[in-house]
N, C-alpha and C. Protein backbone atom coordinates (compact mmCIF):
# COMPACT_ATOMS: atom_id res chain seq x y z
N UNK A 1 115.35 91.08 53.94
CA UNK A 1 115.20 91.42 55.35
C UNK A 1 116.43 91.00 56.16
N UNK A 2 116.97 89.83 55.82
CA UNK A 2 118.13 89.35 56.57
C UNK A 2 119.33 90.27 56.40
N UNK A 3 119.56 90.74 55.16
CA UNK A 3 120.68 91.65 54.92
C UNK A 3 120.45 92.99 55.60
N UNK A 4 119.21 93.49 55.60
CA UNK A 4 118.90 94.75 56.29
C UNK A 4 119.13 94.59 57.79
N UNK A 5 118.78 93.41 58.33
CA UNK A 5 119.01 93.16 59.76
C UNK A 5 120.50 93.16 60.08
N UNK A 6 121.32 92.61 59.17
CA UNK A 6 122.76 92.62 59.37
C UNK A 6 123.30 94.04 59.36
N UNK A 7 122.76 94.88 58.46
CA UNK A 7 123.16 96.28 58.41
C UNK A 7 122.79 97.00 59.70
N UNK A 8 121.59 96.72 60.21
CA UNK A 8 121.14 97.34 61.46
C UNK A 8 122.01 96.90 62.63
N UNK A 9 122.39 95.63 62.67
CA UNK A 9 123.25 95.15 63.76
C UNK A 9 124.62 95.81 63.69
N UNK A 10 125.15 95.97 62.48
CA UNK A 10 126.45 96.63 62.33
C UNK A 10 126.36 98.08 62.81
N UNK A 11 125.28 98.76 62.47
CA UNK A 11 125.11 100.14 62.90
C UNK A 11 124.93 100.23 64.41
N UNK A 12 124.19 99.28 64.99
CA UNK A 12 124.02 99.26 66.44
C UNK A 12 125.38 99.07 67.13
N UNK A 13 126.24 98.25 66.54
CA UNK A 13 127.57 98.04 67.11
C UNK A 13 128.38 99.34 67.07
N UNK A 14 128.23 100.11 66.00
CA UNK A 14 128.92 101.41 65.91
C UNK A 14 128.39 102.37 66.97
N UNK A 15 127.08 102.41 67.15
CA UNK A 15 126.51 103.26 68.19
C UNK A 15 127.05 102.88 69.56
N UNK A 16 127.11 101.58 69.83
CA UNK A 16 127.63 101.11 71.12
C UNK A 16 129.10 101.49 71.28
N UNK A 17 129.87 101.36 70.22
CA UNK A 17 131.30 101.67 70.29
C UNK A 17 131.53 103.13 70.66
N UNK A 18 130.82 104.03 69.99
CA UNK A 18 131.00 105.47 70.25
C UNK A 18 130.48 105.83 71.65
N UNK A 19 129.31 105.31 72.01
CA UNK A 19 128.74 105.64 73.32
C UNK A 19 129.59 105.08 74.46
N UNK A 20 130.08 103.86 74.30
CA UNK A 20 130.92 103.26 75.34
C UNK A 20 132.21 104.05 75.51
N UNK A 21 132.74 104.60 74.41
CA UNK A 21 133.95 105.41 74.50
C UNK A 21 133.73 106.67 75.32
N UNK A 22 132.47 107.10 75.41
CA UNK A 22 132.11 108.26 76.24
C UNK A 22 131.70 107.85 77.65
N UNK A 23 131.85 106.57 77.97
CA UNK A 23 131.49 106.09 79.30
C UNK A 23 130.03 105.82 79.48
N UNK A 24 129.29 105.69 78.38
CA UNK A 24 127.84 105.44 78.45
C UNK A 24 127.47 104.23 77.59
N UNK A 25 127.93 103.04 77.98
CA UNK A 25 127.58 101.86 77.17
C UNK A 25 126.09 101.59 77.22
N UNK A 26 125.58 100.99 76.16
CA UNK A 26 124.17 100.66 76.10
C UNK A 26 123.92 99.20 76.39
N UNK A 27 122.74 98.73 76.00
CA UNK A 27 122.33 97.34 76.21
C UNK A 27 121.90 96.76 74.87
N UNK A 28 122.32 95.53 74.61
CA UNK A 28 122.01 94.87 73.35
C UNK A 28 121.31 93.55 73.62
N UNK A 29 120.21 93.31 72.90
CA UNK A 29 119.58 92.00 72.90
C UNK A 29 119.11 91.70 71.48
N UNK A 30 118.35 90.66 71.32
CA UNK A 30 117.93 90.25 69.97
C UNK A 30 116.99 91.25 69.32
N UNK A 31 116.35 92.10 70.12
CA UNK A 31 115.34 93.02 69.60
C UNK A 31 115.88 94.41 69.31
N UNK A 32 116.87 94.85 70.09
CA UNK A 32 117.30 96.25 69.96
C UNK A 32 118.61 96.50 70.68
N UNK A 33 119.24 97.61 70.29
CA UNK A 33 120.28 98.22 71.11
C UNK A 33 119.66 99.48 71.69
N UNK A 34 119.92 99.72 72.98
CA UNK A 34 119.33 100.91 73.61
C UNK A 34 120.27 101.47 74.66
N UNK A 35 120.17 102.75 74.89
CA UNK A 35 120.90 103.43 75.96
C UNK A 35 119.92 104.23 76.78
N UNK A 36 119.96 104.04 78.08
CA UNK A 36 119.08 104.76 78.99
C UNK A 36 119.70 106.07 79.47
N UNK A 37 120.85 106.43 78.93
CA UNK A 37 121.55 107.65 79.34
C UNK A 37 121.66 108.59 78.14
N UNK A 38 121.98 109.85 78.39
CA UNK A 38 122.25 110.75 77.26
C UNK A 38 123.41 110.24 76.42
N UNK A 39 123.32 110.42 75.12
CA UNK A 39 124.34 109.93 74.18
C UNK A 39 124.93 111.11 73.42
N UNK A 40 126.07 110.90 72.74
CA UNK A 40 126.66 112.00 71.96
C UNK A 40 125.71 112.51 70.88
N UNK A 41 125.94 113.72 70.44
CA UNK A 41 125.12 114.31 69.37
C UNK A 41 125.10 113.40 68.15
N UNK A 42 123.94 113.36 67.51
CA UNK A 42 123.69 112.59 66.29
C UNK A 42 123.46 111.10 66.54
N UNK A 43 123.56 110.64 67.77
CA UNK A 43 123.40 109.22 68.06
C UNK A 43 122.05 108.95 68.69
N UNK A 44 121.40 107.84 68.31
CA UNK A 44 120.08 107.52 68.86
C UNK A 44 120.21 106.81 70.21
N UNK A 45 119.14 106.79 70.94
CA UNK A 45 119.08 105.99 72.17
C UNK A 45 118.50 104.61 71.93
N UNK A 46 117.94 104.41 70.74
CA UNK A 46 117.36 103.11 70.41
C UNK A 46 117.58 102.81 68.95
N UNK A 47 118.13 101.62 68.67
CA UNK A 47 118.24 101.09 67.31
C UNK A 47 117.45 99.79 67.28
N UNK A 48 116.39 99.74 66.50
CA UNK A 48 115.58 98.53 66.46
C UNK A 48 116.26 97.47 65.60
N UNK A 49 116.17 96.21 66.05
CA UNK A 49 116.78 95.09 65.34
C UNK A 49 115.74 94.07 64.91
N UNK A 50 114.48 94.44 65.03
CA UNK A 50 113.37 93.61 64.59
C UNK A 50 112.31 94.49 63.96
N UNK A 51 111.53 93.91 63.06
CA UNK A 51 110.43 94.66 62.46
C UNK A 51 109.14 94.52 63.26
N UNK A 52 109.19 93.76 64.36
CA UNK A 52 108.01 93.59 65.20
C UNK A 52 107.66 94.92 65.87
N UNK A 53 106.40 95.27 65.80
CA UNK A 53 105.98 96.60 66.24
C UNK A 53 105.77 96.67 67.75
N UNK A 54 105.03 95.72 68.30
CA UNK A 54 104.64 95.81 69.72
C UNK A 54 105.84 95.90 70.67
N UNK A 55 106.84 95.01 70.58
CA UNK A 55 107.96 95.13 71.52
C UNK A 55 108.77 96.40 71.34
N UNK A 56 108.82 96.92 70.11
CA UNK A 56 109.58 98.14 69.90
C UNK A 56 108.84 99.37 70.45
N UNK A 57 107.53 99.38 70.33
CA UNK A 57 106.76 100.47 70.95
C UNK A 57 106.92 100.43 72.46
N UNK A 58 106.95 99.23 73.01
CA UNK A 58 107.17 99.10 74.46
C UNK A 58 108.55 99.63 74.84
N UNK A 59 109.56 99.34 74.01
CA UNK A 59 110.91 99.83 74.28
C UNK A 59 110.96 101.36 74.21
N UNK A 60 110.26 101.95 73.25
CA UNK A 60 110.22 103.41 73.14
C UNK A 60 109.58 104.02 74.38
N UNK A 61 108.47 103.46 74.80
CA UNK A 61 107.78 103.99 75.99
C UNK A 61 108.66 103.85 77.24
N UNK A 62 109.37 102.74 77.33
CA UNK A 62 110.24 102.53 78.49
C UNK A 62 111.34 103.58 78.53
N UNK A 63 111.97 103.85 77.39
CA UNK A 63 113.02 104.87 77.35
C UNK A 63 112.45 106.25 77.62
N UNK A 64 111.25 106.49 77.13
CA UNK A 64 110.64 107.80 77.33
C UNK A 64 110.38 108.08 78.80
N UNK A 65 110.24 107.01 79.58
CA UNK A 65 110.00 107.16 81.02
C UNK A 65 111.30 107.34 81.80
N UNK A 66 112.44 107.28 81.12
CA UNK A 66 113.73 107.38 81.80
C UNK A 66 114.17 108.82 82.05
N UNK A 67 113.41 109.78 81.52
CA UNK A 67 113.77 111.18 81.72
C UNK A 67 114.90 111.66 80.83
N UNK A 68 115.02 111.07 79.65
CA UNK A 68 116.05 111.52 78.72
C UNK A 68 115.75 112.94 78.24
N UNK A 69 116.78 113.70 77.88
CA UNK A 69 116.53 115.07 77.40
C UNK A 69 115.78 115.06 76.08
N UNK A 70 115.03 116.12 75.81
CA UNK A 70 114.30 116.21 74.55
C UNK A 70 115.27 116.11 73.38
N UNK A 71 114.78 115.55 72.29
CA UNK A 71 115.62 115.38 71.12
C UNK A 71 116.26 114.01 71.02
N UNK A 72 116.02 113.14 72.00
CA UNK A 72 116.62 111.81 71.90
C UNK A 72 115.98 111.05 70.74
N UNK A 73 116.74 110.11 70.18
CA UNK A 73 116.33 109.54 68.91
C UNK A 73 116.07 108.05 68.91
N UNK A 74 115.27 107.64 67.92
CA UNK A 74 114.96 106.24 67.65
C UNK A 74 115.32 105.95 66.20
N UNK A 75 116.18 104.97 65.98
CA UNK A 75 116.47 104.53 64.62
C UNK A 75 115.58 103.34 64.33
N UNK A 76 114.53 103.59 63.59
CA UNK A 76 113.53 102.59 63.21
C UNK A 76 114.07 101.85 61.99
N UNK A 77 114.80 100.76 62.24
CA UNK A 77 115.62 100.14 61.21
C UNK A 77 114.84 99.52 60.06
N UNK A 78 113.54 99.27 60.26
CA UNK A 78 112.73 98.66 59.22
C UNK A 78 111.53 99.52 58.83
N UNK A 79 111.52 100.73 59.35
CA UNK A 79 110.48 101.72 59.07
C UNK A 79 109.07 101.14 59.29
N UNK A 80 108.92 100.53 60.46
CA UNK A 80 107.64 99.90 60.79
C UNK A 80 106.88 100.66 61.88
N UNK A 81 107.52 101.63 62.51
CA UNK A 81 106.91 102.28 63.67
C UNK A 81 106.23 103.59 63.28
N UNK A 82 105.16 103.88 63.98
CA UNK A 82 104.48 105.17 63.87
C UNK A 82 104.55 105.83 65.24
N UNK A 83 105.42 106.82 65.37
CA UNK A 83 105.70 107.40 66.69
C UNK A 83 105.16 108.81 66.85
N UNK A 84 104.40 109.28 65.88
CA UNK A 84 103.87 110.65 65.95
C UNK A 84 103.08 110.87 67.23
N UNK A 85 102.21 109.94 67.55
CA UNK A 85 101.34 110.11 68.70
C UNK A 85 102.07 109.97 70.04
N UNK A 86 103.29 109.49 69.99
CA UNK A 86 104.10 109.40 71.20
C UNK A 86 104.99 110.62 71.39
N UNK A 87 104.84 111.61 70.52
CA UNK A 87 105.59 112.85 70.67
C UNK A 87 106.87 112.92 69.87
N UNK A 88 106.98 112.11 68.83
CA UNK A 88 108.19 112.10 68.01
C UNK A 88 107.92 112.74 66.65
N UNK A 89 108.97 113.25 66.04
CA UNK A 89 108.92 113.80 64.69
C UNK A 89 109.95 113.08 63.83
N UNK A 90 109.69 112.98 62.54
CA UNK A 90 110.63 112.34 61.62
C UNK A 90 111.82 113.26 61.39
N UNK A 91 113.00 112.73 61.63
CA UNK A 91 114.23 113.48 61.39
C UNK A 91 114.82 113.17 60.02
N UNK A 92 114.76 111.88 59.63
CA UNK A 92 115.42 111.47 58.39
C UNK A 92 114.82 110.16 57.88
N UNK A 93 114.59 110.10 56.59
CA UNK A 93 114.28 108.85 55.91
C UNK A 93 115.49 108.47 55.07
N UNK A 94 115.87 107.20 55.14
CA UNK A 94 117.08 106.75 54.46
C UNK A 94 116.93 105.29 54.06
N UNK A 95 117.99 104.77 53.44
CA UNK A 95 118.02 103.36 53.07
C UNK A 95 119.34 102.74 53.51
N UNK A 96 119.25 101.50 53.99
CA UNK A 96 120.45 100.73 54.26
C UNK A 96 121.12 100.40 52.92
N UNK A 97 122.44 100.40 52.91
CA UNK A 97 123.18 100.04 51.71
C UNK A 97 124.26 99.03 52.06
N UNK A 98 124.68 98.25 51.07
CA UNK A 98 125.72 97.25 51.29
C UNK A 98 126.61 97.15 50.06
N UNK A 99 127.88 96.94 50.31
CA UNK A 99 128.84 96.64 49.24
C UNK A 99 129.37 95.24 49.52
N UNK A 100 129.38 94.36 48.53
CA UNK A 100 129.86 93.00 48.78
C UNK A 100 131.34 93.00 49.12
N UNK A 101 131.82 91.93 49.74
CA UNK A 101 133.26 91.86 50.04
C UNK A 101 134.09 92.13 48.80
N UNK A 102 135.05 93.01 48.93
CA UNK A 102 135.86 93.40 47.78
C UNK A 102 137.17 92.63 47.76
N UNK A 103 137.71 92.44 46.57
CA UNK A 103 139.02 91.81 46.43
C UNK A 103 140.06 92.73 47.05
N UNK A 104 140.95 92.15 47.84
CA UNK A 104 141.91 92.97 48.55
C UNK A 104 142.90 93.62 47.60
N UNK A 105 143.12 94.93 47.81
CA UNK A 105 144.08 95.69 47.02
C UNK A 105 144.93 96.52 47.98
N UNK A 106 146.10 96.96 47.53
CA UNK A 106 146.89 97.84 48.40
C UNK A 106 146.14 99.15 48.67
N UNK A 107 146.27 99.68 49.89
CA UNK A 107 145.65 100.97 50.19
C UNK A 107 146.28 102.05 49.32
N UNK A 108 145.46 102.84 48.68
CA UNK A 108 146.00 103.91 47.85
C UNK A 108 146.66 104.96 48.73
N UNK A 109 147.72 105.53 48.23
CA UNK A 109 148.52 106.45 49.03
C UNK A 109 147.78 107.72 49.40
N UNK A 110 146.65 108.00 48.72
CA UNK A 110 145.91 109.23 49.03
C UNK A 110 145.11 109.11 50.32
N UNK A 111 145.05 107.92 50.92
CA UNK A 111 144.30 107.73 52.16
C UNK A 111 145.21 107.25 53.27
N UNK A 112 144.95 107.73 54.48
CA UNK A 112 145.73 107.32 55.65
C UNK A 112 144.80 107.01 56.81
N UNK A 113 145.28 106.23 57.72
CA UNK A 113 144.53 105.91 58.92
C UNK A 113 144.99 106.80 60.06
N UNK A 114 144.04 107.42 60.76
CA UNK A 114 144.39 108.26 61.91
C UNK A 114 144.99 107.38 63.00
N UNK A 115 146.18 107.72 63.45
CA UNK A 115 146.88 106.92 64.45
C UNK A 115 147.11 107.67 65.76
N UNK A 116 146.89 108.98 65.76
CA UNK A 116 147.17 109.77 66.95
C UNK A 116 145.96 110.61 67.33
N UNK A 117 145.93 111.03 68.59
CA UNK A 117 144.84 111.88 69.06
C UNK A 117 144.80 113.20 68.28
N UNK A 118 145.97 113.71 67.91
CA UNK A 118 146.03 114.97 67.17
C UNK A 118 145.41 114.81 65.78
N UNK A 119 145.71 113.69 65.11
CA UNK A 119 145.14 113.47 63.78
C UNK A 119 143.64 113.25 63.87
N UNK A 120 143.19 112.54 64.91
CA UNK A 120 141.75 112.33 65.07
C UNK A 120 141.03 113.65 65.32
N UNK A 121 141.64 114.53 66.12
CA UNK A 121 141.05 115.85 66.35
C UNK A 121 141.00 116.64 65.05
N UNK A 122 142.04 116.55 64.24
CA UNK A 122 142.05 117.23 62.94
C UNK A 122 140.96 116.64 62.03
N UNK A 123 140.80 115.31 62.08
CA UNK A 123 139.77 114.62 61.29
C UNK A 123 138.39 115.15 61.67
N UNK A 124 138.12 115.24 62.98
CA UNK A 124 136.80 115.70 63.42
C UNK A 124 136.57 117.17 63.08
N UNK A 125 137.61 117.96 63.17
CA UNK A 125 137.47 119.38 62.78
C UNK A 125 137.15 119.50 61.30
N UNK A 126 137.79 118.68 60.46
CA UNK A 126 137.51 118.70 59.03
C UNK A 126 136.10 118.20 58.74
N UNK A 127 135.64 117.22 59.49
CA UNK A 127 134.27 116.72 59.37
C UNK A 127 133.28 117.86 59.62
N UNK A 128 133.54 118.66 60.64
CA UNK A 128 132.84 119.92 60.83
C UNK A 128 131.43 119.83 61.38
N UNK A 129 131.06 118.70 61.98
CA UNK A 129 129.68 118.56 62.46
C UNK A 129 129.56 118.58 63.99
N UNK A 130 130.65 118.64 64.71
CA UNK A 130 130.59 118.67 66.16
C UNK A 130 129.89 119.94 66.63
N UNK A 131 129.17 119.82 67.71
CA UNK A 131 128.37 120.94 68.21
C UNK A 131 129.02 121.58 69.43
N UNK A 132 129.22 122.88 69.34
CA UNK A 132 129.74 123.61 70.48
C UNK A 132 131.12 123.16 70.91
N UNK A 133 131.88 122.60 69.98
CA UNK A 133 133.24 122.17 70.31
C UNK A 133 133.31 120.85 71.05
N UNK A 134 132.19 120.21 71.35
CA UNK A 134 132.19 118.94 72.07
C UNK A 134 132.67 117.82 71.14
N UNK A 135 133.65 117.05 71.59
CA UNK A 135 134.17 115.95 70.78
C UNK A 135 133.18 114.79 70.76
N UNK A 136 133.00 114.20 69.60
CA UNK A 136 132.19 112.99 69.46
C UNK A 136 133.09 111.77 69.37
N UNK A 137 134.19 111.91 68.63
CA UNK A 137 135.10 110.79 68.43
C UNK A 137 136.33 111.00 69.32
N UNK A 138 136.36 110.32 70.44
CA UNK A 138 137.37 110.55 71.46
C UNK A 138 138.59 109.67 71.21
N UNK A 139 139.77 110.08 71.72
CA UNK A 139 141.01 109.36 71.43
C UNK A 139 141.00 107.88 71.82
N UNK A 140 140.21 107.51 72.82
CA UNK A 140 140.16 106.12 73.23
C UNK A 140 139.75 105.17 72.12
N UNK A 141 139.04 105.69 71.11
CA UNK A 141 138.62 104.85 69.99
C UNK A 141 139.81 104.34 69.18
N UNK A 142 140.92 105.07 69.21
CA UNK A 142 142.09 104.69 68.42
C UNK A 142 142.77 103.44 68.95
N UNK A 143 142.50 103.07 70.19
CA UNK A 143 143.13 101.88 70.77
C UNK A 143 142.49 100.59 70.26
N UNK A 144 141.38 100.71 69.55
CA UNK A 144 140.65 99.54 69.08
C UNK A 144 141.09 99.16 67.67
N UNK A 145 141.51 97.91 67.50
CA UNK A 145 141.93 97.44 66.19
C UNK A 145 140.78 97.34 65.21
N UNK A 146 139.54 97.26 65.74
CA UNK A 146 138.38 97.12 64.86
C UNK A 146 137.79 98.45 64.43
N UNK A 147 138.39 99.56 64.85
CA UNK A 147 137.91 100.90 64.49
C UNK A 147 138.95 101.58 63.62
N UNK A 148 138.51 102.26 62.56
CA UNK A 148 139.44 103.01 61.71
C UNK A 148 138.81 104.33 61.30
N UNK A 149 139.58 105.40 61.44
CA UNK A 149 139.22 106.70 60.90
C UNK A 149 140.19 106.97 59.75
N UNK A 150 139.67 107.05 58.54
CA UNK A 150 140.49 107.22 57.35
C UNK A 150 140.36 108.64 56.82
N UNK A 151 141.45 109.16 56.30
CA UNK A 151 141.46 110.54 55.82
C UNK A 151 142.26 110.65 54.54
N UNK A 152 141.88 111.61 53.72
CA UNK A 152 142.65 111.98 52.54
C UNK A 152 142.97 113.46 52.65
N UNK A 153 144.14 113.84 52.19
CA UNK A 153 144.61 115.21 52.38
C UNK A 153 144.74 115.96 51.06
N UNK A 154 144.63 117.26 51.18
CA UNK A 154 144.89 118.17 50.07
C UNK A 154 145.71 119.32 50.64
N UNK A 155 146.88 119.57 50.05
CA UNK A 155 147.80 120.59 50.57
C UNK A 155 148.06 120.36 52.07
N UNK A 156 148.24 119.09 52.43
CA UNK A 156 148.61 118.65 53.77
C UNK A 156 147.50 118.76 54.80
N UNK A 157 146.35 119.26 54.39
CA UNK A 157 145.21 119.37 55.31
C UNK A 157 144.20 118.28 54.97
N UNK A 158 143.53 117.74 55.99
CA UNK A 158 142.52 116.72 55.75
C UNK A 158 141.38 117.33 54.96
N UNK A 159 141.09 116.74 53.81
CA UNK A 159 140.04 117.25 52.94
C UNK A 159 138.82 116.34 52.92
N UNK A 160 138.97 115.11 53.36
CA UNK A 160 137.85 114.17 53.36
C UNK A 160 138.16 112.99 54.25
N UNK A 161 137.11 112.26 54.61
CA UNK A 161 137.33 111.12 55.48
C UNK A 161 136.10 110.25 55.62
N UNK A 162 136.29 109.15 56.31
CA UNK A 162 135.18 108.28 56.69
C UNK A 162 135.63 107.42 57.86
N UNK A 163 134.65 106.84 58.56
CA UNK A 163 134.93 105.99 59.72
C UNK A 163 134.43 104.59 59.44
N UNK A 164 135.05 103.60 60.08
CA UNK A 164 134.67 102.20 59.86
C UNK A 164 134.85 101.40 61.14
N UNK A 165 133.98 100.41 61.30
CA UNK A 165 134.05 99.49 62.43
C UNK A 165 133.83 98.07 61.93
N UNK A 166 134.76 97.17 62.23
CA UNK A 166 134.57 95.75 61.90
C UNK A 166 133.67 95.12 62.96
N UNK A 167 132.60 94.47 62.53
CA UNK A 167 131.65 93.84 63.44
C UNK A 167 131.42 92.39 63.02
N UNK A 168 130.62 91.68 63.81
CA UNK A 168 130.28 90.31 63.46
C UNK A 168 129.43 90.25 62.19
N UNK A 169 128.69 91.31 61.90
CA UNK A 169 127.83 91.35 60.72
C UNK A 169 128.58 91.74 59.45
N UNK A 170 129.63 92.51 59.61
CA UNK A 170 130.36 93.08 58.48
C UNK A 170 131.01 94.37 58.96
N UNK A 171 131.31 95.25 58.05
CA UNK A 171 131.96 96.52 58.40
C UNK A 171 130.92 97.64 58.34
N UNK A 172 130.76 98.35 59.44
CA UNK A 172 129.89 99.52 59.47
C UNK A 172 130.72 100.72 59.03
N UNK A 173 130.27 101.42 57.99
CA UNK A 173 130.94 102.64 57.55
C UNK A 173 130.02 103.83 57.82
N UNK A 174 130.61 104.96 58.14
CA UNK A 174 129.80 106.12 58.48
C UNK A 174 130.64 107.39 58.34
N UNK A 175 129.94 108.53 58.43
CA UNK A 175 130.58 109.84 58.52
C UNK A 175 131.49 110.16 57.34
N UNK A 176 131.13 109.69 56.15
CA UNK A 176 131.91 110.06 54.97
C UNK A 176 131.72 111.55 54.68
N UNK A 177 132.81 112.24 54.41
CA UNK A 177 132.70 113.67 54.15
C UNK A 177 133.81 114.14 53.21
N UNK A 178 133.53 115.21 52.49
CA UNK A 178 134.54 115.97 51.77
C UNK A 178 135.01 115.42 50.44
N UNK A 179 134.55 114.22 50.05
CA UNK A 179 135.02 113.62 48.81
C UNK A 179 133.86 113.03 48.03
N UNK A 180 134.03 112.95 46.73
CA UNK A 180 133.03 112.37 45.84
C UNK A 180 133.74 111.49 44.83
N UNK A 181 132.95 110.74 44.07
CA UNK A 181 133.46 110.02 42.92
C UNK A 181 134.64 109.12 43.21
N UNK A 182 135.68 109.24 42.39
CA UNK A 182 136.84 108.35 42.49
C UNK A 182 137.55 108.49 43.83
N UNK A 183 137.56 109.70 44.39
CA UNK A 183 138.23 109.89 45.68
C UNK A 183 137.52 109.13 46.79
N UNK A 184 136.18 109.18 46.78
CA UNK A 184 135.41 108.43 47.78
C UNK A 184 135.56 106.93 47.55
N UNK A 185 135.55 106.52 46.30
CA UNK A 185 135.72 105.10 45.98
C UNK A 185 137.06 104.58 46.48
N UNK A 186 138.09 105.41 46.41
CA UNK A 186 139.40 105.03 46.93
C UNK A 186 139.34 104.82 48.44
N UNK A 187 138.55 105.65 49.13
CA UNK A 187 138.38 105.46 50.57
C UNK A 187 137.67 104.16 50.90
N UNK A 188 136.66 103.82 50.10
CA UNK A 188 135.95 102.55 50.30
C UNK A 188 136.90 101.38 50.09
N UNK A 189 137.77 101.47 49.08
CA UNK A 189 138.75 100.43 48.83
C UNK A 189 139.73 100.32 50.00
N UNK A 190 140.08 101.46 50.60
CA UNK A 190 140.97 101.44 51.75
C UNK A 190 140.34 100.71 52.92
N UNK A 191 139.04 100.90 53.13
CA UNK A 191 138.34 100.18 54.19
C UNK A 191 138.38 98.69 53.91
N UNK A 192 138.11 98.29 52.67
CA UNK A 192 138.12 96.87 52.31
C UNK A 192 139.50 96.26 52.50
N UNK A 193 140.53 97.06 52.31
CA UNK A 193 141.89 96.55 52.52
C UNK A 193 142.17 96.33 54.00
N UNK A 194 141.68 97.24 54.83
CA UNK A 194 141.89 97.09 56.27
C UNK A 194 141.11 95.92 56.84
N UNK A 195 139.89 95.72 56.35
CA UNK A 195 139.01 94.67 56.87
C UNK A 195 138.54 93.80 55.71
N UNK A 196 139.43 92.97 55.18
CA UNK A 196 139.12 92.23 53.95
C UNK A 196 138.09 91.13 54.14
N UNK A 197 137.40 90.81 53.05
CA UNK A 197 136.49 89.68 53.02
C UNK A 197 135.16 89.90 53.69
N UNK A 198 134.83 91.15 54.01
CA UNK A 198 133.59 91.45 54.73
C UNK A 198 132.73 92.42 53.92
N UNK A 199 131.41 92.28 54.00
CA UNK A 199 130.55 93.29 53.36
C UNK A 199 130.63 94.61 54.11
N UNK A 200 130.41 95.70 53.39
CA UNK A 200 130.41 97.03 53.98
C UNK A 200 128.98 97.52 54.07
N UNK A 201 128.56 97.91 55.27
CA UNK A 201 127.20 98.38 55.50
C UNK A 201 127.19 99.85 55.87
N UNK A 202 126.14 100.54 55.45
CA UNK A 202 125.93 101.91 55.85
C UNK A 202 124.49 102.30 55.59
N UNK A 203 124.17 103.56 55.73
CA UNK A 203 122.86 104.05 55.32
C UNK A 203 123.01 105.48 54.80
N UNK A 204 122.16 105.83 53.87
CA UNK A 204 122.23 107.14 53.24
C UNK A 204 120.83 107.65 52.95
N UNK A 205 120.62 108.98 52.99
CA UNK A 205 119.34 109.55 52.56
C UNK A 205 119.06 109.18 51.11
N UNK A 206 117.80 109.10 50.78
CA UNK A 206 117.40 108.68 49.44
C UNK A 206 118.05 109.54 48.36
N UNK A 207 118.15 110.84 48.61
CA UNK A 207 118.69 111.74 47.58
C UNK A 207 120.18 111.53 47.33
N UNK A 208 120.88 110.80 48.22
CA UNK A 208 122.31 110.58 48.05
C UNK A 208 122.64 109.18 47.54
N UNK A 209 121.63 108.37 47.27
CA UNK A 209 121.89 106.97 46.93
C UNK A 209 122.63 106.78 45.62
N UNK A 210 122.40 107.66 44.66
CA UNK A 210 122.98 107.47 43.33
C UNK A 210 124.49 107.36 43.38
N UNK A 211 125.13 108.22 44.16
CA UNK A 211 126.61 108.18 44.18
C UNK A 211 127.13 106.90 44.81
N UNK A 212 126.39 106.33 45.76
CA UNK A 212 126.83 105.08 46.38
C UNK A 212 126.57 103.90 45.46
N UNK A 213 125.47 103.93 44.74
CA UNK A 213 125.21 102.86 43.78
C UNK A 213 126.27 102.86 42.68
N UNK A 214 126.76 104.03 42.32
CA UNK A 214 127.80 104.10 41.29
C UNK A 214 129.09 103.43 41.75
N UNK A 215 129.26 103.26 43.06
CA UNK A 215 130.46 102.60 43.59
C UNK A 215 130.22 101.13 43.89
N UNK A 216 129.05 100.61 43.51
CA UNK A 216 128.79 99.19 43.69
C UNK A 216 127.95 98.84 44.89
N UNK A 217 127.45 99.84 45.61
CA UNK A 217 126.55 99.57 46.73
C UNK A 217 125.14 99.31 46.20
N UNK A 218 124.36 98.52 46.94
CA UNK A 218 122.96 98.33 46.60
C UNK A 218 122.10 98.58 47.83
N UNK A 219 120.86 98.92 47.60
CA UNK A 219 119.92 99.22 48.68
C UNK A 219 119.38 97.93 49.29
N UNK A 220 119.14 97.97 50.61
CA UNK A 220 118.63 96.81 51.33
C UNK A 220 117.23 97.02 51.90
N UNK A 221 116.82 98.25 52.05
CA UNK A 221 115.53 98.53 52.65
C UNK A 221 115.54 99.87 53.35
N UNK A 222 114.36 100.32 53.70
CA UNK A 222 114.20 101.66 54.27
C UNK A 222 114.35 101.67 55.78
N UNK A 223 114.84 102.79 56.30
CA UNK A 223 114.84 103.05 57.73
C UNK A 223 114.36 104.47 57.95
N UNK A 224 114.00 104.76 59.18
CA UNK A 224 113.53 106.10 59.53
C UNK A 224 114.10 106.46 60.90
N UNK A 225 114.56 107.69 61.02
CA UNK A 225 115.05 108.17 62.30
C UNK A 225 114.06 109.18 62.86
N UNK A 226 113.65 108.91 64.09
CA UNK A 226 112.69 109.76 64.79
C UNK A 226 113.41 110.51 65.91
N UNK A 227 112.93 111.71 66.22
CA UNK A 227 113.46 112.45 67.35
C UNK A 227 112.33 112.91 68.26
N UNK A 228 112.57 112.84 69.56
CA UNK A 228 111.55 113.20 70.55
C UNK A 228 111.42 114.72 70.60
N UNK A 229 110.20 115.21 70.42
CA UNK A 229 109.95 116.65 70.46
C UNK A 229 110.05 117.17 71.89
């Protein structure tokens, strides 16, 4: 439970980082991270940091009264909540994963860190998940030493990438795309080189866990993402 809580805190820090870059910072306490404003696509308005049910249900009801647009999300970090009767539907079931601190190695030449707004825009275009052309990862994120967008190229075009944030809990990794096997493992090693001595946290759908376990990640526990109908 303690390791899953660390993974949840790292993910909450990533949500705060992205939302704050859009001018919509959230609120963090011992129980949850929450945002009372609209957030970028794919981001929740609530990340639970405790398995206690009653205070989290109260937090959900409070946010629901804020007039958020339909589709806002709750990341139930310990899969303890039942939100069907409150008008939510299950969007995703997944598991927290962790990789222990890795021995520092030189970054492999096949991976690079995005350093310019143009490269970040190319990275997001290659990721291919932005909706209606709206940017999720804005250039202001590049000014932060604790944030890294890593990319690997094929024929000079970005073919794969992932994002990372150094936090007090460890490194939150997310948005891996375009690579598998040894190529993805090289990206994970690049993250460990940038932020050495820290565990790497993320989450993946159950059907994708095998490839992460093959790279040395282990499961920490289940989470569920809910969306408001």
